[in-house]
Amino acid sequence: MRLPLVLFLIAPLVEIASFIIVGQAIGVLPTLGLIVLSGVAGVVLLRFQGAGILRRLQSEAQKGVDPGRELVHAALLAVAAFLLIVPGFFGDIIGILLFLPFVRDLAWRMIKPRIVVSSTFANGGFRTARPADDNVVDLDDDEFQREPGPNSKNPDSPWHGPRIGRN
């Protein structure tokens, strides 16, 4: 059996066991309060940490630096917020750990060899990757002018006259 499938099947059992253990230790109402508090904390942390990640992504884009690390950090923050929002104490512990920058850096070092970031990123902006075509002539605004074609004033042209759907 594959490891993700095993974790997917075991995770709900671990969460139920954590509910029972915490509920027996502190009571039902405080347990429910902790669950609601962790969900609110997940939303709040995602809002503040997510904005910081977006600012760092933008600054790296302007510098022309590879944004792979910040993209992985953003993805891990989304996972952390999801784990905090979904009820469960074991997931909350993992979510809180993922909100810590050094834990995300550790995850980045483990993930980095398996990820290939490919982009046409240069000089602080994105370029369109177009194949070179010898038939294309690139002109500046002052090097050409538009002249009306032979059908521009022709009343028999199908491009003039009433349009479909308009009166």
N, C-alpha and C. Protein backbone atom coordinates (compact mmCIF):
# COMPACT_ATOMS: atom_id res chain seq x y z
N MET A 1 0.84 -1.17 0.00
CA MET A 1 0.00 0.00 0.00
C MET A 1 0.89 1.24 0.00
N ARG A 2 0.46 2.24 -0.69
CA ARG A 2 1.24 3.47 -0.77
C ARG A 2 1.06 4.30 0.49
N LEU A 3 2.12 5.05 0.84
CA LEU A 3 2.12 5.84 2.07
C LEU A 3 1.02 6.91 2.11
N PRO A 4 0.78 7.71 1.04
CA PRO A 4 -0.30 8.71 1.13
C PRO A 4 -1.67 8.09 1.38
N LEU A 5 -1.93 6.94 0.80
CA LEU A 5 -3.21 6.28 1.02
C LEU A 5 -3.35 5.84 2.47
N VAL A 6 -2.28 5.31 3.04
CA VAL A 6 -2.29 4.89 4.43
C VAL A 6 -2.52 6.10 5.34
N LEU A 7 -1.82 7.22 5.05
CA LEU A 7 -2.00 8.42 5.85
C LEU A 7 -3.42 8.96 5.72
N PHE A 8 -3.98 8.88 4.54
CA PHE A 8 -5.34 9.36 4.30
C PHE A 8 -6.36 8.53 5.09
N LEU A 9 -6.09 7.25 5.24
CA LEU A 9 -7.00 6.39 5.99
C LEU A 9 -6.79 6.49 7.50
N ILE A 10 -5.54 6.71 7.93
CA ILE A 10 -5.23 6.75 9.35
C ILE A 10 -5.50 8.12 9.96
N ALA A 11 -5.38 9.20 9.20
CA ALA A 11 -5.53 10.56 9.73
C ALA A 11 -6.86 10.77 10.46
N PRO A 12 -8.00 10.37 9.91
CA PRO A 12 -9.24 10.56 10.67
C PRO A 12 -9.26 9.81 12.00
N LEU A 13 -8.66 8.63 12.04
CA LEU A 13 -8.61 7.87 13.29
C LEU A 13 -7.75 8.58 14.32
N VAL A 14 -6.63 9.15 13.88
CA VAL A 14 -5.75 9.89 14.79
C VAL A 14 -6.48 11.14 15.31
N GLU A 15 -7.21 11.82 14.44
CA GLU A 15 -7.94 13.02 14.86
C GLU A 15 -9.04 12.67 15.86
N ILE A 16 -9.77 11.60 15.63
CA ILE A 16 -10.83 11.18 16.56
C ILE A 16 -10.22 10.82 17.91
N ALA A 17 -9.09 10.10 17.89
CA ALA A 17 -8.42 9.75 19.14
C ALA A 17 -7.95 11.00 19.88
N SER A 18 -7.46 12.00 19.12
CA SER A 18 -7.01 13.24 19.78
C SER A 18 -8.20 13.99 20.38
N PHE A 19 -9.36 13.97 19.72
CA PHE A 19 -10.56 14.58 20.29
C PHE A 19 -10.92 13.92 21.62
N ILE A 20 -10.88 12.59 21.64
CA ILE A 20 -11.24 11.86 22.85
C ILE A 20 -10.27 12.16 23.98
N ILE A 21 -8.99 12.14 23.68
CA ILE A 21 -7.97 12.37 24.73
C ILE A 21 -8.08 13.79 25.28
N VAL A 22 -8.18 14.79 24.39
CA VAL A 22 -8.27 16.18 24.85
C VAL A 22 -9.60 16.41 25.56
N GLY A 23 -10.66 15.85 25.05
CA GLY A 23 -11.97 16.00 25.67
C GLY A 23 -12.02 15.42 27.08
N GLN A 24 -11.37 14.28 27.27
CA GLN A 24 -11.32 13.69 28.61
C GLN A 24 -10.45 14.52 29.55
N ALA A 25 -9.42 15.15 29.01
CA ALA A 25 -8.49 15.90 29.86
C ALA A 25 -9.05 17.26 30.28
N ILE A 26 -9.71 17.98 29.36
CA ILE A 26 -10.15 19.35 29.68
C ILE A 26 -11.65 19.53 29.63
N GLY A 27 -12.40 18.59 29.12
CA GLY A 27 -13.84 18.71 29.05
C GLY A 27 -14.32 19.01 27.63
N VAL A 28 -15.63 18.88 27.44
CA VAL A 28 -16.22 19.01 26.11
C VAL A 28 -16.21 20.46 25.62
N LEU A 29 -16.71 21.38 26.43
CA LEU A 29 -16.80 22.78 25.98
C LEU A 29 -15.43 23.41 25.70
N PRO A 30 -14.44 23.21 26.58
CA PRO A 30 -13.13 23.75 26.23
C PRO A 30 -12.54 23.11 24.97
N THR A 31 -12.82 21.84 24.74
CA THR A 31 -12.35 21.17 23.52
C THR A 31 -12.98 21.81 22.29
N LEU A 32 -14.29 22.03 22.35
CA LEU A 32 -14.97 22.69 21.22
C LEU A 32 -14.45 24.11 21.03
N GLY A 33 -14.18 24.80 22.15
CA GLY A 33 -13.62 26.15 22.06
C GLY A 33 -12.26 26.15 21.38
N LEU A 34 -11.43 25.16 21.70
CA LEU A 34 -10.12 25.06 21.05
C LEU A 34 -10.25 24.80 19.55
N ILE A 35 -11.23 24.00 19.17
CA ILE A 35 -11.43 23.70 17.76
C ILE A 35 -11.85 24.96 17.00
N VAL A 36 -12.78 25.72 17.58
CA VAL A 36 -13.21 26.96 16.94
C VAL A 36 -12.06 27.97 16.90
N LEU A 37 -11.31 28.08 17.99
CA LEU A 37 -10.18 29.00 18.06
C LEU A 37 -9.12 28.66 17.03
N SER A 38 -8.86 27.38 16.82
CA SER A 38 -7.85 26.99 15.82
C SER A 38 -8.32 27.33 14.41
N GLY A 39 -9.61 27.19 14.16
CA GLY A 39 -10.13 27.57 12.83
C GLY A 39 -10.00 29.05 12.58
N VAL A 40 -10.34 29.86 13.58
CA VAL A 40 -10.21 31.32 13.45
C VAL A 40 -8.74 31.69 13.29
N ALA A 41 -7.87 31.05 14.08
CA ALA A 41 -6.43 31.34 13.98
C ALA A 41 -5.90 30.98 12.59
N GLY A 42 -6.39 29.90 12.01
CA GLY A 42 -5.97 29.53 10.66
C GLY A 42 -6.33 30.58 9.63
N VAL A 43 -7.53 31.11 9.73
CA VAL A 43 -7.97 32.15 8.79
C VAL A 43 -7.14 33.42 8.98
N VAL A 44 -6.93 33.82 10.23
CA VAL A 44 -6.18 35.05 10.51
C VAL A 44 -4.72 34.92 10.08
N LEU A 45 -4.09 33.79 10.42
CA LEU A 45 -2.69 33.60 10.04
C LEU A 45 -2.53 33.53 8.53
N LEU A 46 -3.46 32.90 7.86
CA LEU A 46 -3.38 32.84 6.40
C LEU A 46 -3.48 34.23 5.81
N ARG A 47 -4.32 35.05 6.37
CA ARG A 47 -4.49 36.40 5.85
C ARG A 47 -3.20 37.21 5.99
N PHE A 48 -2.60 37.19 7.18
CA PHE A 48 -1.39 37.99 7.40
C PHE A 48 -0.16 37.37 6.74
N GLN A 49 0.05 36.08 6.91
CA GLN A 49 1.21 35.43 6.30
C GLN A 49 1.09 35.40 4.78
N GLY A 50 -0.12 35.20 4.29
CA GLY A 50 -0.33 35.17 2.83
C GLY A 50 0.01 36.50 2.19
N ALA A 51 -0.36 37.60 2.83
CA ALA A 51 -0.03 38.92 2.29
C ALA A 51 1.48 39.12 2.26
N GLY A 52 2.18 38.66 3.30
CA GLY A 52 3.64 38.77 3.33
C GLY A 52 4.29 37.97 2.23
N ILE A 53 3.78 36.77 1.99
CA ILE A 53 4.31 35.92 0.92
C ILE A 53 4.09 36.59 -0.43
N LEU A 54 2.92 37.17 -0.64
CA LEU A 54 2.66 37.84 -1.92
C LEU A 54 3.61 39.02 -2.12
N ARG A 55 3.90 39.77 -1.06
CA ARG A 55 4.86 40.88 -1.17
C ARG A 55 6.25 40.37 -1.52
N ARG A 56 6.67 39.28 -0.88
CA ARG A 56 7.99 38.71 -1.19
C ARG A 56 8.04 38.16 -2.60
N LEU A 57 6.96 37.54 -3.07
CA LEU A 57 6.90 37.07 -4.46
C LEU A 57 7.06 38.23 -5.43
N GLN A 58 6.37 39.34 -5.14
CA GLN A 58 6.45 40.51 -6.01
C GLN A 58 7.85 41.09 -6.01
N SER A 59 8.49 41.19 -4.85
CA SER A 59 9.84 41.75 -4.81
C SER A 59 10.84 40.85 -5.53
N GLU A 60 10.69 39.53 -5.40
CA GLU A 60 11.59 38.62 -6.12
C GLU A 60 11.34 38.70 -7.62
N ALA A 61 10.10 38.90 -8.00
CA ALA A 61 9.79 39.04 -9.44
C ALA A 61 10.44 40.31 -9.99
N GLN A 62 10.43 41.38 -9.22
CA GLN A 62 11.04 42.62 -9.68
C GLN A 62 12.56 42.50 -9.74
N LYS A 63 13.15 41.70 -8.86
CA LYS A 63 14.60 41.51 -8.86
C LYS A 63 15.04 40.53 -9.94
N GLY A 64 14.13 39.75 -10.46
CA GLY A 64 14.47 38.75 -11.46
C GLY A 64 14.99 37.45 -10.86
N VAL A 65 14.66 37.20 -9.58
CA VAL A 65 15.11 36.00 -8.87
C VAL A 65 14.10 34.88 -9.11
N ASP A 66 14.58 33.65 -9.07
CA ASP A 66 13.71 32.48 -9.22
C ASP A 66 12.69 32.45 -8.08
N PRO A 67 11.40 32.48 -8.38
CA PRO A 67 10.38 32.54 -7.32
C PRO A 67 9.98 31.18 -6.76
N GLY A 68 10.71 30.12 -7.07
CA GLY A 68 10.33 28.77 -6.65
C GLY A 68 10.18 28.62 -5.15
N ARG A 69 11.13 29.16 -4.39
CA ARG A 69 11.09 29.03 -2.93
C ARG A 69 9.85 29.70 -2.36
N GLU A 70 9.56 30.91 -2.82
CA GLU A 70 8.40 31.63 -2.31
C GLU A 70 7.09 30.96 -2.73
N LEU A 71 7.07 30.36 -3.91
CA LEU A 71 5.87 29.64 -4.33
C LEU A 71 5.62 28.42 -3.44
N VAL A 72 6.69 27.72 -3.10
CA VAL A 72 6.54 26.56 -2.20
C VAL A 72 6.10 27.03 -0.82
N HIS A 73 6.68 28.16 -0.35
CA HIS A 73 6.26 28.70 0.94
C HIS A 73 4.77 29.06 0.91
N ALA A 74 4.32 29.65 -0.18
CA ALA A 74 2.90 30.01 -0.29
C ALA A 74 2.02 28.76 -0.27
N ALA A 75 2.44 27.72 -0.98
CA ALA A 75 1.67 26.48 -1.00
C ALA A 75 1.63 25.84 0.38
N LEU A 76 2.76 25.86 1.09
CA LEU A 76 2.79 25.28 2.43
C LEU A 76 1.95 26.10 3.41
N LEU A 77 1.91 27.42 3.23
CA LEU A 77 1.04 28.24 4.08
C LEU A 77 -0.43 27.91 3.83
N ALA A 78 -0.78 27.67 2.59
CA ALA A 78 -2.16 27.29 2.29
C ALA A 78 -2.51 25.95 2.93
N VAL A 79 -1.58 25.00 2.88
CA VAL A 79 -1.79 23.70 3.52
C VAL A 79 -1.91 23.88 5.04
N ALA A 80 -1.04 24.72 5.61
CA ALA A 80 -1.08 24.97 7.06
C ALA A 80 -2.41 25.58 7.48
N ALA A 81 -2.89 26.56 6.72
CA ALA A 81 -4.18 27.17 7.04
C ALA A 81 -5.31 26.16 6.92
N PHE A 82 -5.26 25.33 5.89
CA PHE A 82 -6.28 24.29 5.72
C PHE A 82 -6.29 23.34 6.92
N LEU A 83 -5.08 22.94 7.37
CA LEU A 83 -4.99 22.04 8.51
C LEU A 83 -5.50 22.68 9.79
N LEU A 84 -5.31 23.99 9.94
CA LEU A 84 -5.84 24.68 11.13
C LEU A 84 -7.35 24.86 11.05
N ILE A 85 -7.86 25.10 9.87
CA ILE A 85 -9.29 25.35 9.71
C ILE A 85 -10.09 24.06 9.89
N VAL A 86 -9.57 22.95 9.37
CA VAL A 86 -10.25 21.66 9.50
C VAL A 86 -10.13 21.19 10.95
N PRO A 87 -11.23 20.78 11.57
CA PRO A 87 -11.17 20.38 12.98
C PRO A 87 -10.26 19.19 13.22
N GLY A 88 -9.44 19.29 14.25
CA GLY A 88 -8.56 18.20 14.64
C GLY A 88 -7.29 18.73 15.25
N PHE A 89 -6.84 18.09 16.31
CA PHE A 89 -5.67 18.58 17.02
C PHE A 89 -4.36 18.15 16.38
N PHE A 90 -4.30 16.97 15.85
CA PHE A 90 -3.07 16.51 15.20
C PHE A 90 -2.77 17.36 13.96
N GLY A 91 -3.80 17.63 13.15
CA GLY A 91 -3.63 18.50 11.99
C GLY A 91 -3.28 19.92 12.40
N ASP A 92 -3.82 20.37 13.54
CA ASP A 92 -3.49 21.71 14.05
C ASP A 92 -2.02 21.81 14.41
N ILE A 93 -1.48 20.77 15.01
CA ILE A 93 -0.05 20.78 15.37
C ILE A 93 0.80 20.88 14.12
N ILE A 94 0.48 20.09 13.11
CA ILE A 94 1.23 20.14 11.85
C ILE A 94 1.05 21.50 11.18
N GLY A 95 -0.17 22.04 11.21
CA GLY A 95 -0.44 23.36 10.63
C GLY A 95 0.35 24.46 11.31
N ILE A 96 0.40 24.44 12.63
CA ILE A 96 1.17 25.46 13.37
C ILE A 96 2.65 25.33 13.03
N LEU A 97 3.15 24.12 12.93
CA LEU A 97 4.55 23.94 12.56
C LEU A 97 4.84 24.48 11.16
N LEU A 98 3.89 24.30 10.23
CA LEU A 98 4.10 24.80 8.87
C LEU A 98 4.05 26.32 8.79
N PHE A 99 3.47 26.97 9.77
CA PHE A 99 3.48 28.43 9.78
C PHE A 99 4.83 28.99 10.20
N LEU A 100 5.68 28.16 10.79
CA LEU A 100 7.01 28.60 11.20
C LEU A 100 7.94 28.61 9.98
N PRO A 101 8.62 29.74 9.73
CA PRO A 101 9.47 29.84 8.52
C PRO A 101 10.57 28.79 8.43
N PHE A 102 11.21 28.43 9.56
CA PHE A 102 12.31 27.47 9.46
C PHE A 102 11.80 26.07 9.10
N VAL A 103 10.56 25.75 9.47
CA VAL A 103 9.98 24.46 9.09
C VAL A 103 9.69 24.46 7.58
N ARG A 104 9.18 25.59 7.07
CA ARG A 104 8.94 25.69 5.62
C ARG A 104 10.26 25.62 4.86
N ASP A 105 11.33 26.25 5.40
CA ASP A 105 12.64 26.16 4.75
C ASP A 105 13.14 24.72 4.72
N LEU A 106 12.93 24.01 5.81
CA LEU A 106 13.32 22.59 5.85
C LEU A 106 12.55 21.81 4.79
N ALA A 107 11.24 22.07 4.70
CA ALA A 107 10.42 21.39 3.68
C ALA A 107 10.90 21.78 2.28
N TRP A 108 11.28 23.05 2.09
CA TRP A 108 11.77 23.51 0.78
C TRP A 108 13.05 22.77 0.41
N ARG A 109 13.96 22.59 1.38
CA ARG A 109 15.20 21.88 1.09
C ARG A 109 14.94 20.43 0.72
N MET A 110 13.90 19.84 1.30
CA MET A 110 13.56 18.45 0.97
C MET A 110 12.87 18.35 -0.38
N ILE A 111 12.07 19.37 -0.71
CA ILE A 111 11.28 19.33 -1.95
C ILE A 111 12.07 19.83 -3.15
N LYS A 112 13.01 20.75 -2.94
CA LYS A 112 13.70 21.45 -4.02
C LYS A 112 14.32 20.52 -5.07
N PRO A 113 15.01 19.43 -4.69
CA PRO A 113 15.60 18.58 -5.72
C PRO A 113 14.57 17.93 -6.65
N ARG A 114 13.33 17.86 -6.20
CA ARG A 114 12.28 17.19 -7.00
C ARG A 114 11.47 18.16 -7.85
N ILE A 115 11.71 19.46 -7.70
CA ILE A 115 10.91 20.47 -8.40
C ILE A 115 11.77 21.16 -9.45
N VAL A 116 11.21 21.33 -10.62
CA VAL A 116 11.85 22.09 -11.67
C VAL A 116 10.97 23.29 -11.97
N VAL A 117 11.52 24.49 -11.76
CA VAL A 117 10.78 25.71 -12.05
C VAL A 117 11.24 26.19 -13.42
N SER A 118 10.32 26.25 -14.34
CA SER A 118 10.63 26.68 -15.69
C SER A 118 9.83 27.93 -16.01
N SER A 119 10.53 28.97 -16.41
CA SER A 119 9.84 30.21 -16.74
C SER A 119 10.64 30.98 -17.76
N THR A 120 10.00 31.93 -18.37
CA THR A 120 10.67 32.85 -19.27
C THR A 120 10.76 34.18 -18.56
N PHE A 121 11.39 34.15 -17.41
CA PHE A 121 11.44 35.29 -16.51
C PHE A 121 12.79 35.97 -16.69
N ALA A 122 12.75 37.26 -17.00
CA ALA A 122 14.01 38.00 -17.17
C ALA A 122 13.75 39.48 -16.99
N ASN A 123 14.71 40.16 -16.45
CA ASN A 123 14.68 41.62 -16.29
C ASN A 123 13.44 42.11 -15.55
N GLY A 124 13.01 41.38 -14.53
CA GLY A 124 11.91 41.84 -13.71
C GLY A 124 10.55 41.73 -14.37
N GLY A 125 10.40 40.94 -15.40
CA GLY A 125 9.10 40.79 -16.05
C GLY A 125 9.06 39.51 -16.85
N PHE A 126 7.90 39.19 -17.33
CA PHE A 126 7.75 37.98 -18.12
C PHE A 126 7.82 38.31 -19.59
N ARG A 127 8.45 37.42 -20.34
CA ARG A 127 8.49 37.56 -21.78
C ARG A 127 7.58 36.51 -22.39
N THR A 128 7.06 36.81 -23.55
CA THR A 128 6.30 35.78 -24.25
C THR A 128 7.30 34.96 -25.05
N ALA A 129 7.15 33.67 -24.95
CA ALA A 129 8.07 32.78 -25.65
C ALA A 129 7.52 32.53 -27.05
N ARG A 130 7.91 33.38 -28.00
CA ARG A 130 7.46 33.20 -29.38
C ARG A 130 8.62 32.70 -30.22
N PRO A 131 8.36 31.78 -31.11
CA PRO A 131 9.43 31.34 -31.99
C PRO A 131 9.83 32.47 -32.94
N ALA A 132 11.10 32.51 -33.25
CA ALA A 132 11.57 33.54 -34.19
C ALA A 132 10.99 33.28 -35.56
N ASP A 133 10.45 34.31 -36.19
CA ASP A 133 9.84 34.19 -37.51
C ASP A 133 10.47 35.24 -38.40
N ASP A 134 11.07 34.82 -39.49
CA ASP A 134 11.73 35.75 -40.40
C ASP A 134 10.74 36.60 -41.19
N ASN A 135 9.46 36.21 -41.21
CA ASN A 135 8.47 36.96 -41.98
C ASN A 135 7.86 38.11 -41.19
N VAL A 136 8.23 38.25 -39.93
CA VAL A 136 7.67 39.30 -39.10
C VAL A 136 8.60 40.51 -39.11
N VAL A 137 8.01 41.67 -39.39
CA VAL A 137 8.77 42.92 -39.35
C VAL A 137 8.24 43.72 -38.17
N ASP A 138 9.11 44.03 -37.24
CA ASP A 138 8.73 44.76 -36.04
C ASP A 138 8.99 46.25 -36.27
N LEU A 139 7.91 47.05 -36.26
CA LEU A 139 8.02 48.49 -36.51
C LEU A 139 7.62 49.27 -35.27
N ASP A 140 8.23 50.43 -35.11
CA ASP A 140 7.81 51.35 -34.04
C ASP A 140 6.62 52.16 -34.52
N ASP A 141 6.00 52.93 -33.61
CA ASP A 141 4.82 53.71 -33.95
C ASP A 141 5.09 54.74 -35.03
N ASP A 142 6.27 55.32 -35.05
CA ASP A 142 6.56 56.37 -36.03
C ASP A 142 7.00 55.80 -37.38
N GLU A 143 7.11 54.50 -37.51
CA GLU A 143 7.57 53.88 -38.75
C GLU A 143 6.44 53.37 -39.65
N PHE A 144 5.19 53.57 -39.24
CA PHE A 144 4.08 53.16 -40.09
C PHE A 144 2.88 54.06 -39.83
N GLN A 145 1.91 53.98 -40.74
CA GLN A 145 0.64 54.67 -40.56
C GLN A 145 -0.45 53.84 -41.20
N ARG A 146 -1.64 53.94 -40.65
CA ARG A 146 -2.77 53.19 -41.18
C ARG A 146 -3.47 54.02 -42.24
N GLU A 147 -3.74 53.38 -43.36
CA GLU A 147 -4.49 54.04 -44.42
C GLU A 147 -5.77 53.26 -44.63
N PRO A 148 -6.84 53.97 -44.92
CA PRO A 148 -8.11 53.25 -45.15
C PRO A 148 -8.00 52.35 -46.37
N GLY A 149 -8.55 51.16 -46.23
CA GLY A 149 -8.52 50.21 -47.33
C GLY A 149 -9.62 50.51 -48.34
N PRO A 150 -9.64 49.78 -49.46
CA PRO A 150 -10.62 50.04 -50.51
C PRO A 150 -12.06 49.80 -50.07
N ASN A 151 -12.31 48.94 -49.09
CA ASN A 151 -13.68 48.63 -48.65
C ASN A 151 -14.10 49.44 -47.43
N SER A 152 -13.26 50.36 -46.96
CA SER A 152 -13.60 51.05 -45.73
C SER A 152 -14.82 51.95 -45.88
N LYS A 153 -15.06 52.53 -47.04
CA LYS A 153 -16.23 53.39 -47.25
C LYS A 153 -17.23 52.75 -48.21
N ASN A 154 -17.03 51.51 -48.58
CA ASN A 154 -17.86 50.82 -49.54
C ASN A 154 -19.16 50.37 -48.87
N PRO A 155 -20.32 50.88 -49.31
CA PRO A 155 -21.59 50.47 -48.69
C PRO A 155 -21.95 49.02 -48.99
N ASP A 156 -21.36 48.42 -50.03
CA ASP A 156 -21.66 47.03 -50.37
C ASP A 156 -20.84 46.04 -49.54
N SER A 157 -19.96 46.54 -48.72
CA SER A 157 -19.11 45.67 -47.92
C SER A 157 -19.95 44.97 -46.86
N PRO A 158 -19.72 43.69 -46.63
CA PRO A 158 -20.47 42.98 -45.58
C PRO A 158 -20.10 43.44 -44.18
N TRP A 159 -19.05 44.23 -44.04
CA TRP A 159 -18.59 44.68 -42.73
C TRP A 159 -19.25 45.99 -42.32
N HIS A 160 -20.09 46.54 -43.15
CA HIS A 160 -20.80 47.77 -42.83
C HIS A 160 -22.28 47.49 -42.85
N GLY A 161 -23.03 48.29 -42.15
CA GLY A 161 -24.47 48.12 -42.14
C GLY A 161 -24.97 47.65 -40.80
N PRO A 162 -26.23 47.24 -40.75
CA PRO A 162 -26.81 46.86 -39.46
C PRO A 162 -26.14 45.59 -38.92
N ARG A 163 -26.00 45.58 -37.61
CA ARG A 163 -25.37 44.41 -36.97
C ARG A 163 -26.47 43.50 -36.40
N ILE A 164 -26.18 42.26 -36.32
CA ILE A 164 -27.15 41.32 -35.78
C ILE A 164 -27.36 41.62 -34.32
N GLY A 165 -28.60 41.65 -33.90
CA GLY A 165 -28.91 41.88 -32.50
C GLY A 165 -29.06 43.35 -32.14
N ARG A 166 -28.81 44.26 -33.07
CA ARG A 166 -28.96 45.69 -32.81
C ARG A 166 -30.03 46.26 -33.74
N ASN A 167 -30.70 47.26 -33.25
CA ASN A 167 -31.75 47.90 -34.07
C ASN A 167 -31.18 48.98 -34.94
